PDB file of N, CA and C in Angstrom:
ATOM      1  N   UNK A   1      17.390   0.858  -9.028  1.00  0.00           N
ATOM      2  CA  UNK A   1      16.542   1.998  -9.299  1.00  0.00           C
ATOM      3  C   UNK A   1      15.406   2.114  -8.140  1.00  0.00           C
ATOM      4  N   UNK A   2      15.283   3.237  -7.616  1.00  0.00           N
ATOM      5  CA  UNK A   2      14.319   3.394  -6.535  1.00  0.00           C
ATOM      6  C   UNK A   2      12.940   3.426  -7.097  1.00  0.00           C
ATOM      7  N   UNK A   3      12.073   2.797  -6.255  1.00  0.00           N
ATOM      8  CA  UNK A   3      10.687   2.689  -6.622  1.00  0.00           C
ATOM      9  C   UNK A   3       9.938   3.742  -5.870  1.00  0.00           C
ATOM     10  N   UNK A   4       8.813   4.306  -6.329  1.00  0.00           N
ATOM     11  CA  UNK A   4       8.001   5.217  -5.699  1.00  0.00           C
ATOM     12  C   UNK A   4       6.838   4.290  -5.080  1.00  0.00           C
ATOM     13  N   UNK A   5       6.732   4.251  -3.787  1.00  0.00           N
ATOM     14  CA  UNK A   5       5.784   3.402  -3.043  1.00  0.00           C
ATOM     15  C   UNK A   5       4.932   4.250  -2.191  1.00  0.00           C
ATOM     16  N   UNK A   6       3.640   4.093  -2.354  1.00  0.00           N
ATOM     17  CA  UNK A   6       2.667   4.898  -1.667  1.00  0.00           C
ATOM     18  C   UNK A   6       1.676   3.851  -1.046  1.00  0.00           C
ATOM     19  N   UNK A   7       1.496   4.095   0.338  1.00  0.00           N
ATOM     20  CA  UNK A   7       0.354   3.222   0.958  1.00  0.00           C
ATOM     21  C   UNK A   7      -0.820   4.212   1.210  1.00  0.00           C
ATOM     22  N   UNK A   8      -1.955   3.814   0.737  1.00  0.00           N
ATOM     23  CA  UNK A   8      -3.099   4.498   0.930  1.00  0.00           C
ATOM     24  C   UNK A   8      -3.920   3.767   2.110  1.00  0.00           C
ATOM     25  N   UNK A   9      -4.298   4.372   3.219  1.00  0.00           N
ATOM     26  CA  UNK A   9      -4.844   3.741   4.276  1.00  0.00           C
ATOM     27  C   UNK A   9      -5.886   4.566   4.950  1.00  0.00           C
ATOM     28  N   UNK A  10      -6.551   4.056   5.899  1.00  0.00           N
ATOM     29  CA  UNK A  10      -7.514   4.756   6.747  1.00  0.00           C
ATOM     30  C   UNK A  10      -7.242   4.543   8.115  1.00  0.00           C
ATOM     31  N   UNK A  11      -7.667   5.466   9.043  1.00  0.00           N
ATOM     32  CA  UNK A  11      -7.457   5.281  10.374  1.00  0.00           C
ATOM     33  C   UNK A  11      -8.160   4.073  11.003  1.00  0.00           C
ATOM     34  N   UNK A  12      -7.558   3.438  12.045  1.00  0.00           N
ATOM     35  CA  UNK A  12      -8.086   2.310  12.714  1.00  0.00           C
ATOM     36  C   UNK A  12      -8.309   1.127  11.863  1.00  0.00           C
ATOM     37  N   UNK A  13      -7.374   0.965  10.876  1.00  0.00           N
ATOM     38  CA  UNK A  13      -7.452  -0.107   9.920  1.00  0.00           C
ATOM     39  C   UNK A  13      -6.299  -1.130  10.234  1.00  0.00           C
ATOM     40  N   UNK A  14      -6.709  -2.256  10.775  1.00  0.00           N
ATOM     41  CA  UNK A  14      -5.701  -3.318  11.081  1.00  0.00           C
ATOM     42  C   UNK A  14      -4.961  -3.712   9.876  1.00  0.00           C
ATOM     43  N   UNK A  15      -5.577  -4.124   8.761  1.00  0.00           N
ATOM     44  CA  UNK A  15      -4.675  -4.458   7.633  1.00  0.00           C
ATOM     45  C   UNK A  15      -3.744  -3.340   7.122  1.00  0.00           C
ATOM     46  N   UNK A  16      -4.224  -2.082   7.272  1.00  0.00           N
ATOM     47  CA  UNK A  16      -3.256  -0.938   6.784  1.00  0.00           C
ATOM     48  C   UNK A  16      -2.048  -0.851   7.768  1.00  0.00           C
ATOM     49  N   UNK A  17      -2.369  -1.011   9.034  1.00  0.00           N
ATOM     50  CA  UNK A  17      -1.248  -0.974   9.907  1.00  0.00           C
ATOM     51  C   UNK A  17      -0.290  -2.215   9.705  1.00  0.00           C
ATOM     52  N   UNK A  18      -0.841  -3.350   9.428  1.00  0.00           N
ATOM     53  CA  UNK A  18      -0.013  -4.525   9.172  1.00  0.00           C
ATOM     54  C   UNK A  18       0.897  -4.345   7.914  1.00  0.00           C
ATOM     55  N   UNK A  19       0.283  -3.713   6.903  1.00  0.00           N
ATOM     56  CA  UNK A  19       1.082  -3.478   5.561  1.00  0.00           C
ATOM     57  C   UNK A  19       2.299  -2.491   5.926  1.00  0.00           C
ATOM     58  N   UNK A  20       1.970  -1.412   6.598  1.00  0.00           N
ATOM     59  CA  UNK A  20       2.975  -0.433   6.852  1.00  0.00           C
ATOM     60  C   UNK A  20       4.113  -1.079   7.783  1.00  0.00           C
ATOM     61  N   UNK A  21       3.640  -1.889   8.742  1.00  0.00           N
ATOM     62  CA  UNK A  21       4.699  -2.544   9.603  1.00  0.00           C
ATOM     63  C   UNK A  21       5.471  -3.533   8.717  1.00  0.00           C
ATOM     64  N   UNK A  22       4.965  -4.236   7.888  1.00  0.00           N
ATOM     65  CA  UNK A  22       5.659  -5.138   6.914  1.00  0.00           C
ATOM     66  C   UNK A  22       6.712  -4.402   6.150  1.00  0.00           C
ATOM     67  N   UNK A  23       6.276  -3.278   5.542  1.00  0.00           N
ATOM     68  CA  UNK A  23       7.197  -2.460   4.768  1.00  0.00           C
ATOM     69  C   UNK A  23       8.337  -1.886   5.659  1.00  0.00           C
ATOM     70  N   UNK A  24       8.040  -1.417   6.723  1.00  0.00           N
ATOM     71  CA  UNK A  24       9.038  -0.914   7.649  1.00  0.00           C
ATOM     72  C   UNK A  24      10.001  -1.996   8.027  1.00  0.00           C
ATOM     73  N   UNK A  25       9.476  -3.192   8.452  1.00  0.00           N
ATOM     74  CA  UNK A  25      10.311  -4.308   8.857  1.00  0.00           C
ATOM     75  C   UNK A  25      11.319  -4.722   7.757  1.00  0.00           C
ATOM     76  N   UNK A  26      10.922  -4.537   6.558  1.00  0.00           N
ATOM     77  CA  UNK A  26      11.770  -4.943   5.409  1.00  0.00           C
ATOM     78  C   UNK A  26      12.517  -3.755   4.807  1.00  0.00           C
ATOM     79  N   UNK A  27      12.559  -2.656   5.430  1.00  0.00           N
ATOM     80  CA  UNK A  27      13.324  -1.552   5.065  1.00  0.00           C
ATOM     81  C   UNK A  27      12.898  -0.801   3.826  1.00  0.00           C
ATOM     82  N   UNK A  28      11.592  -0.993   3.537  1.00  0.00           N
ATOM     83  CA  UNK A  28      10.978  -0.376   2.345  1.00  0.00           C
ATOM     84  C   UNK A  28      10.529   0.998   2.739  1.00  0.00           C
ATOM     85  N   UNK A  29      11.051   2.013   2.082  1.00  0.00           N
ATOM     86  CA  UNK A  29      10.575   3.441   2.287  1.00  0.00           C
ATOM     87  C   UNK A  29       9.318   3.646   1.433  1.00  0.00           C
ATOM     88  N   UNK A  30       8.377   4.348   2.089  1.00  0.00           N
ATOM     89  CA  UNK A  30       7.135   4.610   1.449  1.00  0.00           C
ATOM     90  C   UNK A  30       6.540   5.850   1.985  1.00  0.00           C
ATOM     91  N   UNK A  31       5.594   6.336   1.250  1.00  0.00           N
ATOM     92  CA  UNK A  31       4.775   7.548   1.520  1.00  0.00           C
ATOM     93  C   UNK A  31       3.443   7.060   1.972  1.00  0.00           C
ATOM     94  N   UNK A  32       2.940   7.439   3.196  1.00  0.00           N
ATOM     95  CA  UNK A  32       1.594   7.110   3.538  1.00  0.00           C
ATOM     96  C   UNK A  32       0.645   8.305   3.365  1.00  0.00           C
ATOM     97  N   UNK A  33      -0.543   7.865   2.784  1.00  0.00           N
ATOM     98  CA  UNK A  33      -1.545   8.872   2.503  1.00  0.00           C
ATOM     99  C   UNK A  33      -2.804   8.292   3.199  1.00  0.00           C
ATOM    100  N   UNK A  34      -3.452   9.157   3.920  1.00  0.00           N
ATOM    101  CA  UNK A  34      -4.665   8.934   4.695  1.00  0.00           C
ATOM    102  C   UNK A  34      -5.865   9.226   3.776  1.00  0.00           C
ATOM    103  N   UNK A  35      -6.649   8.262   3.435  1.00  0.00           N
ATOM    104  CA  UNK A  35      -7.732   8.375   2.539  1.00  0.00           C
ATOM    105  C   UNK A  35      -8.911   9.258   3.136  1.00  0.00           C
ATOM    106  N   UNK A  36      -8.933   9.313   4.507  1.00  0.00           N
ATOM    107  CA  UNK A  36     -10.011  10.150   5.133  1.00  0.00           C
ATOM    108  C   UNK A  36      -9.538  11.625   5.148  1.00  0.00           C
ATOM    109  N   UNK A  37      -8.281  11.894   5.061  1.00  0.00           N
ATOM    110  CA  UNK A  37      -7.896  13.302   5.099  1.00  0.00           C
ATOM    111  C   UNK A  37      -7.440  13.935   3.789  1.00  0.00           C
ATOM    112  N   UNK A  38      -7.028  13.076   2.919  1.00  0.00           N
ATOM    113  CA  UNK A  38      -6.482  13.542   1.666  1.00  0.00           C
ATOM    114  C   UNK A  38      -7.439  13.230   0.516  1.00  0.00           C
ATOM    115  N   UNK A  39      -8.238  14.270   0.194  1.00  0.00           N
ATOM    116  CA  UNK A  39      -9.245  14.108  -0.822  1.00  0.00           C
ATOM    117  C   UNK A  39      -8.759  13.761  -2.166  1.00  0.00           C
ATOM    118  N   UNK A  40      -7.618  14.324  -2.557  1.00  0.00           N
ATOM    119  CA  UNK A  40      -6.975  13.958  -3.796  1.00  0.00           C
ATOM    120  C   UNK A  40      -6.641  12.434  -3.830  1.00  0.00           C
ATOM    121  N   UNK A  41      -6.120  12.019  -2.847  1.00  0.00           N
ATOM    122  CA  UNK A  41      -5.727  10.549  -2.739  1.00  0.00           C
ATOM    123  C   UNK A  41      -7.042   9.712  -2.787  1.00  0.00           C
ATOM    124  N   UNK A  42      -8.008  10.106  -2.067  1.00  0.00           N
ATOM    125  CA  UNK A  42      -9.273   9.274  -2.028  1.00  0.00           C
ATOM    126  C   UNK A  42      -9.908   9.216  -3.434  1.00  0.00           C
ATOM    127  N   UNK A  43      -9.821  10.336  -4.101  1.00  0.00           N
ATOM    128  CA  UNK A  43     -10.429  10.458  -5.555  1.00  0.00           C
ATOM    129  C   UNK A  43      -9.610   9.616  -6.496  1.00  0.00           C
ATOM    130  N   UNK A  44      -8.291   9.533  -6.224  1.00  0.00           N
ATOM    131  CA  UNK A  44      -7.360   8.675  -7.081  1.00  0.00           C
ATOM    132  C   UNK A  44      -7.735   7.266  -6.860  1.00  0.00           C
ATOM    133  N   UNK A  45      -7.872   6.740  -5.693  1.00  0.00           N
ATOM    134  CA  UNK A  45      -8.233   5.367  -5.380  1.00  0.00           C
ATOM    135  C   UNK A  45      -9.544   5.054  -5.932  1.00  0.00           C
ATOM    136  N   UNK A  46     -10.473   5.947  -5.779  1.00  0.00           N
ATOM    137  CA  UNK A  46     -11.860   5.801  -6.239  1.00  0.00           C
ATOM    138  C   UNK A  46     -11.933   5.673  -7.837  1.00  0.00           C
ATOM    139  N   UNK A  47     -11.015   6.453  -8.515  1.00  0.00           N
ATOM    140  CA  UNK A  47     -10.957   6.418  -9.998  1.00  0.00           C
ATOM    141  C   UNK A  47     -10.457   5.026 -10.467  1.00  0.00           C
ATOM    142  N   UNK A  48      -9.729   4.384  -9.627  1.00  0.00           N
ATOM    143  CA  UNK A  48      -9.188   2.982  -9.891  1.00  0.00           C
ATOM    144  C   UNK A  48     -10.168   1.932  -9.772  1.00  0.00           C
ATOM    145  N   UNK A  49     -11.367   2.289  -9.122  1.00  0.00           N
ATOM    146  CA  UNK A  49     -12.437   1.287  -8.804  1.00  0.00           C
ATOM    147  C   UNK A  49     -12.130   0.467  -7.577  1.00  0.00           C
ATOM    148  N   UNK A  50     -11.244   0.930  -6.673  1.00  0.00           N
ATOM    149  CA  UNK A  50     -10.908   0.229  -5.587  1.00  0.00           C
ATOM    150  C   UNK A  50     -11.724   0.834  -4.363  1.00  0.00           C
ATOM    151  N   UNK A  51     -12.442  -0.096  -3.615  1.00  0.00           N
ATOM    152  CA  UNK A  51     -13.301   0.453  -2.551  1.00  0.00           C
ATOM    153  C   UNK A  51     -12.901  -0.042  -1.138  1.00  0.00           C
ATOM    154  N   UNK A  52     -11.618  -0.410  -1.010  1.00  0.00           N
ATOM    155  CA  UNK A  52     -11.268  -0.931   0.317  1.00  0.00           C
ATOM    156  C   UNK A  52      -9.702  -0.456   0.492  1.00  0.00           C
ATOM    157  N   UNK A  53      -9.313  -0.527   1.801  1.00  0.00           N
ATOM    158  CA  UNK A  53      -8.020  -0.128   2.128  1.00  0.00           C
ATOM    159  C   UNK A  53      -7.401  -1.307   2.895  1.00  0.00           C
ATOM    160  N   UNK A  54      -6.178  -1.423   2.806  1.00  0.00           N
ATOM    161  CA  UNK A  54      -5.212  -0.460   2.235  1.00  0.00           C
ATOM    162  C   UNK A  54      -5.004  -0.805   0.803  1.00  0.00           C
ATOM    163  N   UNK A  55      -4.378   0.208   0.059  1.00  0.00           N
ATOM    164  CA  UNK A  55      -3.910   0.075  -1.226  1.00  0.00           C
ATOM    165  C   UNK A  55      -2.503   0.476  -1.316  1.00  0.00           C
ATOM    166  N   UNK A  56      -1.679  -0.414  -1.983  1.00  0.00           N
ATOM    167  CA  UNK A  56      -0.342  -0.198  -2.242  1.00  0.00           C
ATOM    168  C   UNK A  56      -0.069   0.197  -3.668  1.00  0.00           C
ATOM    169  N   UNK A  57       0.601   1.309  -3.873  1.00  0.00           N
ATOM    170  CA  UNK A  57       0.875   1.754  -5.216  1.00  0.00           C
ATOM    171  C   UNK A  57       2.385   1.695  -5.407  1.00  0.00           C
ATOM    172  N   UNK A  58       2.936   0.976  -6.294  1.00  0.00           N
ATOM    173  CA  UNK A  58       4.307   0.943  -6.669  1.00  0.00           C
ATOM    174  C   UNK A  58       4.505   1.344  -8.059  1.00  0.00           C
ATOM    175  N   UNK A  59       5.240   2.506  -8.172  1.00  0.00           N
ATOM    176  CA  UNK A  59       5.564   3.054  -9.501  1.00  0.00           C
ATOM    177  C   UNK A  59       4.257   3.181 -10.381  1.00  0.00           C
ATOM    178  N   UNK A  60       3.108   3.672  -9.795  1.00  0.00           N
ATOM    179  CA  UNK A  60       1.947   3.804 -10.442  1.00  0.00           C
ATOM    180  C   UNK A  60       0.949   2.678 -10.629  1.00  0.00           C
ATOM    181  N   UNK A  61       1.343   1.523 -10.168  1.00  0.00           N
ATOM    182  CA  UNK A  61       0.453   0.351 -10.252  1.00  0.00           C
ATOM    183  C   UNK A  61      -0.115  -0.041  -8.852  1.00  0.00           C
ATOM    184  N   UNK A  62      -1.382  -0.144  -8.824  1.00  0.00           N
ATOM    185  CA  UNK A  62      -2.086  -0.249  -7.527  1.00  0.00           C
ATOM    186  C   UNK A  62      -2.350  -1.721  -7.256  1.00  0.00           C
ATOM    187  N   UNK A  63      -2.201  -2.176  -5.953  1.00  0.00           N
ATOM    188  CA  UNK A  63      -2.399  -3.491  -5.453  1.00  0.00           C
ATOM    189  C   UNK A  63      -3.403  -3.427  -4.344  1.00  0.00           C
ATOM    190  N   UNK A  64      -4.326  -4.301  -4.139  1.00  0.00           N
ATOM    191  CA  UNK A  64      -5.250  -4.314  -3.016  1.00  0.00           C
ATOM    192  C   UNK A  64      -5.678  -5.733  -2.742  1.00  0.00           C
ATOM    193  N   UNK A  65      -6.326  -5.821  -1.680  1.00  0.00           N
ATOM    194  CA  UNK A  65      -6.920  -7.115  -1.204  1.00  0.00           C
ATOM    195  C   UNK A  65      -5.893  -8.289  -1.138  1.00  0.00           C
ATOM    196  N   UNK A  66      -6.190  -9.437  -1.721  1.00  0.00           N
ATOM    197  CA  UNK A  66      -5.354 -10.598  -1.643  1.00  0.00           C
ATOM    198  C   UNK A  66      -4.015 -10.351  -2.245  1.00  0.00           C
ATOM    199  N   UNK A  67      -3.831  -9.285  -3.123  1.00  0.00           N
ATOM    200  CA  UNK A  67      -2.452  -8.967  -3.710  1.00  0.00           C
ATOM    201  C   UNK A  67      -1.502  -8.458  -2.697  1.00  0.00           C
ATOM    202  N   UNK A  68      -1.956  -8.273  -1.394  1.00  0.00           N
ATOM    203  CA  UNK A  68      -1.205  -7.747  -0.347  1.00  0.00           C
ATOM    204  C   UNK A  68      -0.733  -8.811   0.669  1.00  0.00           C
ATOM    205  N   UNK A  69      -0.835 -10.023   0.275  1.00  0.00           N
ATOM    206  CA  UNK A  69      -0.298 -11.090   1.170  1.00  0.00           C
ATOM    207  C   UNK A  69       1.222 -10.978   1.218  1.00  0.00           C
ATOM    208  N   UNK A  70       1.824 -11.466   2.372  1.00  0.00           N
ATOM    209  CA  UNK A  70       3.280 -11.369   2.377  1.00  0.00           C
ATOM    210  C   UNK A  70       4.003 -11.919   1.260  1.00  0.00           C
ATOM    211  N   UNK A  71       3.507 -13.022   0.677  1.00  0.00           N
ATOM    212  CA  UNK A  71       4.151 -13.676  -0.375  1.00  0.00           C
ATOM    213  C   UNK A  71       4.059 -12.879  -1.688  1.00  0.00           C
ATOM    214  N   UNK A  72       2.839 -12.232  -1.897  1.00  0.00           N
ATOM    215  CA  UNK A  72       2.669 -11.449  -3.032  1.00  0.00           C
ATOM    216  C   UNK A  72       3.525 -10.088  -2.999  1.00  0.00           C
ATOM    217  N   UNK A  73       3.516  -9.550  -1.665  1.00  0.00           N
ATOM    218  CA  UNK A  73       4.371  -8.321  -1.460  1.00  0.00           C
ATOM    219  C   UNK A  73       5.824  -8.681  -1.786  1.00  0.00           C
ATOM    220  N   UNK A  74       6.282  -9.750  -1.315  1.00  0.00           N
ATOM    221  CA  UNK A  74       7.673 -10.064  -1.540  1.00  0.00           C
ATOM    222  C   UNK A  74       8.019 -10.004  -3.081  1.00  0.00           C
ATOM    223  N   UNK A  75       7.245 -10.580  -3.874  1.00  0.00           N
ATOM    224  CA  UNK A  75       7.247 -10.632  -5.336  1.00  0.00           C
ATOM    225  C   UNK A  75       7.157  -9.308  -5.917  1.00  0.00           C
ATOM    226  N   UNK A  76       6.132  -8.459  -5.557  1.00  0.00           N
ATOM    227  CA  UNK A  76       5.961  -7.215  -6.047  1.00  0.00           C
ATOM    228  C   UNK A  76       7.201  -6.256  -5.760  1.00  0.00           C
ATOM    229  N   UNK A  77       7.730  -6.383  -4.502  1.00  0.00           N
ATOM    230  CA  UNK A  77       8.838  -5.477  -4.111  1.00  0.00           C
ATOM    231  C   UNK A  77      10.201  -6.021  -4.258  1.00  0.00           C
ATOM    232  N   UNK A  78      10.314  -7.352  -4.783  1.00  0.00           N
ATOM    233  CA  UNK A  78      11.593  -7.920  -4.954  1.00  0.00           C
ATOM    234  C   UNK A  78      12.268  -8.313  -3.576  1.00  0.00           C
ATOM    235  N   UNK A  79      11.439  -8.648  -2.618  1.00  0.00           N
ATOM    236  CA  UNK A  79      12.036  -9.019  -1.308  1.00  0.00           C
ATOM    237  C   UNK A  79      12.085 -10.537  -1.124  1.00  0.00           C
ATOM    238  N   UNK A  80      12.815 -11.064  -0.109  1.00  0.00           N
ATOM    239  CA  UNK A  80      12.671 -12.398   0.266  1.00  0.00           C
ATOM    240  C   UNK A  80      11.497 -12.499   1.183  1.00  0.00           C
ATOM    241  N   UNK A  81      10.638 -13.564   0.969  1.00  0.00           N
ATOM    242  CA  UNK A  81       9.465 -13.809   1.843  1.00  0.00           C
ATOM    243  C   UNK A  81       9.910 -14.114   3.244  1.00  0.00           C
ATOM    244  N   UNK A  82       9.351 -13.457   4.242  1.00  0.00           N
ATOM    245  CA  UNK A  82       9.717 -13.725   5.661  1.00  0.00           C
ATOM    246  C   UNK A  82       8.525 -14.058   6.480  1.00  0.00           C
TER     247      UNK A  82
END
């Protein structure tokens, strides 16, 4: 079953780029939303009480901060840790 995966990021954000590279390296398809350009996306993340980027949303569940370590991502996405 395909998951809906969205990465909410901001420009010039090293951790955001690292997350997107990790997903791409593992063949995970995702939608990228720029929190500086997409007001609706920014409002959504703000409504979740998250004040930093990146944010990974998988099937409606948001992950941020320490939840985005490679080990955690592997578990969230059902990947082998690399």
